Amino acid sequence: MTRREIREEIFKLLFTVEFHEEDEREEQLAFFMEEEAEEEAEEVEMLSEEDYELAKEEAKEIQADKSYIENKYNEVLAHLEEIDGTLNKKIDKWKTTRMPKVDLTILRLAVYEIMFDEDIPNKVAINEAVELAKKYGSDKSGKFINGALSKVVANEE
């Protein structure tokens, strides 16, 4: 998977947080990983013997991606209170309780990357968040996300 695809999978997984209780998060993560494994198994069944060896190598990469997704998901959740606090403090006239759930989830992921993931430059975190907003949010989401994250970054520096 590309980094963009991985980020999109993390976004989808984080989105489920809005609809499940905290004690259900582990179950939701397991369900998500199980779905991914089923999709992989279906793809492997359709392979020729020659392609099977390539698929084994790809499976290792997929497992690494899944581990990365799971770790980042857990890290975002571990910092959720601090992330939401930052959003509530830095974004005028918007509280996390009033934000559209898609926008909130995108912001949470991006703020995590800005505040805690030194491997991802702020510009990349913002750009990827805007792209997710364009794909999953409303017509206004991209501008809202960009403006909100610009405030977070300006206050971080």
Protein backbone atom coordinates (compact mmCIF):
# COMPACT_ATOMS: atom_id res chain seq x y z
CA MET A 1 0.00 0.00 0.00
CA THR A 2 1.08 3.53 -0.56
CA ARG A 3 1.34 5.91 2.40
CA ARG A 4 -1.82 7.63 1.14
CA GLU A 5 -3.71 4.32 1.08
CA ILE A 6 -2.44 3.48 4.55
CA ARG A 7 -3.53 6.89 5.86
CA GLU A 8 -6.96 6.34 4.31
CA GLU A 9 -7.29 2.98 6.07
CA ILE A 10 -6.31 4.60 9.39
CA PHE A 11 -8.92 7.30 8.75
CA LYS A 12 -11.62 4.67 8.15
CA LEU A 13 -10.67 2.83 11.30
CA LEU A 14 -10.60 6.02 13.37
CA PHE A 15 -14.00 6.98 11.97
CA THR A 16 -15.53 3.93 13.68
CA VAL A 17 -14.57 5.47 17.06
CA GLU A 18 -17.44 7.91 16.69
CA PHE A 19 -20.00 5.11 16.58
CA HIS A 20 -18.74 2.64 19.16
CA GLU A 21 -18.09 2.70 22.88
CA GLU A 22 -14.51 2.77 24.12
CA ASP A 23 -14.69 -0.85 25.30
CA GLU A 24 -15.64 -1.91 21.74
CA ARG A 25 -12.57 -0.38 20.07
CA GLU A 26 -10.44 -3.50 20.32
CA GLU A 27 -13.24 -5.57 18.80
CA GLN A 28 -13.64 -3.06 15.97
CA LEU A 29 -9.90 -3.18 15.28
CA ALA A 30 -10.00 -6.98 15.16
CA PHE A 31 -13.01 -6.87 12.84
CA PHE A 32 -11.24 -4.40 10.55
CA MET A 33 -8.10 -6.55 10.40
CA GLU A 34 -10.19 -9.66 9.77
CA GLU A 35 -11.89 -8.01 6.78
CA GLU A 36 -8.50 -7.08 5.36
CA ALA A 37 -7.28 -10.68 5.81
CA GLU A 38 -10.36 -12.06 4.02
CA GLU A 39 -9.77 -9.75 1.06
CA GLU A 40 -6.14 -10.90 0.87
CA ALA A 41 -7.18 -14.57 1.00
CA GLU A 42 -9.62 -14.09 -1.87
CA GLU A 43 -6.90 -12.50 -3.99
CA VAL A 44 -4.43 -15.34 -3.26
CA GLU A 45 -6.97 -18.01 -4.27
CA MET A 46 -7.12 -16.57 -7.78
CA LEU A 47 -3.34 -16.63 -8.32
CA SER A 48 -1.37 -18.97 -10.52
CA GLU A 49 1.53 -20.92 -8.99
CA GLU A 50 4.04 -18.48 -10.51
CA ASP A 51 2.32 -15.54 -8.92
CA TYR A 52 1.97 -17.33 -5.60
CA GLU A 53 5.62 -16.71 -4.66
CA LEU A 54 5.22 -13.02 -5.43
CA ALA A 55 2.06 -13.01 -3.32
CA LYS A 56 4.00 -14.40 -0.35
CA GLU A 57 6.37 -11.42 -0.53
CA GLU A 58 3.46 -9.04 -0.87
CA ALA A 59 1.83 -10.69 2.14
CA LYS A 60 4.85 -9.73 4.24
CA GLU A 61 4.52 -6.13 3.08
CA ILE A 62 0.78 -6.18 3.76
CA GLN A 63 1.40 -7.50 7.27
CA ALA A 64 3.87 -4.66 7.87
CA ASP A 65 1.27 -2.17 6.62
CA LYS A 66 -1.38 -3.69 8.90
CA SER A 67 0.97 -3.42 11.87
CA TYR A 68 1.65 0.22 11.00
CA ILE A 69 -2.09 0.90 10.70
CA GLU A 70 -2.83 -0.76 14.03
CA ASN A 71 0.02 1.04 15.81
CA LYS A 72 -0.93 4.45 14.46
CA TYR A 73 -4.60 3.88 15.27
CA ASN A 74 -3.69 3.03 18.85
CA GLU A 75 -1.32 5.99 19.10
CA VAL A 76 -3.98 8.43 17.90
CA LEU A 77 -6.44 7.00 20.43
CA ALA A 78 -3.83 7.25 23.19
CA HIS A 79 -3.47 10.98 22.46
CA LEU A 80 -7.13 11.65 21.66
CA GLU A 81 -7.79 13.83 24.70
CA GLU A 82 -4.76 16.00 23.97
CA ILE A 83 -5.59 16.18 20.25
CA ASP A 84 -9.19 17.22 20.93
CA GLY A 85 -7.96 19.74 23.50
CA THR A 86 -5.67 21.27 20.89
CA LEU A 87 -8.49 21.43 18.34
CA ASN A 88 -10.87 23.02 20.83
CA LYS A 89 -8.28 25.59 21.85
CA LYS A 90 -6.90 26.52 18.41
CA ILE A 91 -9.96 26.56 16.16
CA ASP A 92 -12.22 29.55 16.73
CA LYS A 93 -15.98 29.02 16.88
CA TRP A 94 -15.74 25.25 16.45
CA LYS A 95 -15.66 22.64 19.17
CA THR A 96 -15.04 18.99 18.47
CA THR A 97 -18.56 18.20 19.66
CA ARG A 98 -20.02 20.34 16.85
CA MET A 99 -17.76 19.27 13.98
CA PRO A 100 -18.94 16.91 11.29
CA LYS A 101 -17.63 13.44 12.17
CA VAL A 102 -15.70 13.02 8.93
CA ASP A 103 -13.94 16.36 9.39
CA LEU A 104 -13.23 15.63 13.04
CA THR A 105 -11.69 12.26 12.21
CA ILE A 106 -9.49 13.77 9.51
CA LEU A 107 -8.41 16.55 11.86
CA ARG A 108 -7.58 14.11 14.63
CA LEU A 109 -5.33 12.08 12.35
CA ALA A 110 -3.60 15.15 10.95
CA VAL A 111 -3.13 16.80 14.36
CA TYR A 112 -1.61 13.56 15.63
CA GLU A 113 0.84 13.62 12.72
CA ILE A 114 1.67 17.29 13.32
CA MET A 115 2.12 16.98 17.07
CA PHE A 116 3.53 13.48 17.55
CA ASP A 117 4.84 11.97 14.29
CA GLU A 118 8.21 13.52 13.49
CA ASP A 119 8.56 11.40 10.33
CA ILE A 120 5.74 13.30 8.60
CA PRO A 121 6.34 16.94 7.66
CA ASN A 122 3.52 19.31 8.62
CA LYS A 123 2.91 20.25 4.98
CA VAL A 124 2.42 16.58 4.08
CA ALA A 125 0.03 16.04 7.01
CA ILE A 126 -2.03 19.06 5.93
CA ASN A 127 -2.04 18.13 2.24
CA GLU A 128 -3.06 14.54 2.92
CA ALA A 129 -5.80 15.69 5.28
CA VAL A 130 -7.19 18.05 2.64
CA GLU A 131 -7.16 15.22 0.09
CA LEU A 132 -9.09 12.98 2.51
CA ALA A 133 -11.55 15.82 3.09
CA LYS A 134 -12.12 16.24 -0.64
CA LYS A 135 -12.79 12.52 -0.99
CA TYR A 136 -14.91 11.88 2.12
CA GLY A 137 -16.12 15.25 3.36
CA SER A 138 -18.53 17.90 2.15
CA ASP A 139 -17.81 20.55 -0.47
CA LYS A 140 -16.52 22.84 2.28
CA SER A 141 -14.46 20.26 4.17
CA GLY A 142 -11.21 20.80 2.29
CA LYS A 143 -11.12 24.53 3.08
CA PHE A 144 -12.18 23.96 6.68
CA ILE A 145 -9.50 21.30 7.24
CA ASN A 146 -6.82 23.42 5.60
CA GLY A 147 -7.69 26.48 7.68
CA ALA A 148 -7.98 24.55 10.93
CA LEU A 149 -4.67 22.75 10.46
CA SER A 150 -2.93 25.99 9.45
CA LYS A 151 -3.95 27.40 12.84
CA VAL A 152 -2.69 24.32 14.64
CA VAL A 153 0.65 24.46 12.80
CA ALA A 154 1.04 28.21 13.32
CA ASN A 155 0.58 27.72 17.02
CA GLU A 156 2.97 24.74 17.10
CA GLU A 157 5.89 26.71 15.69
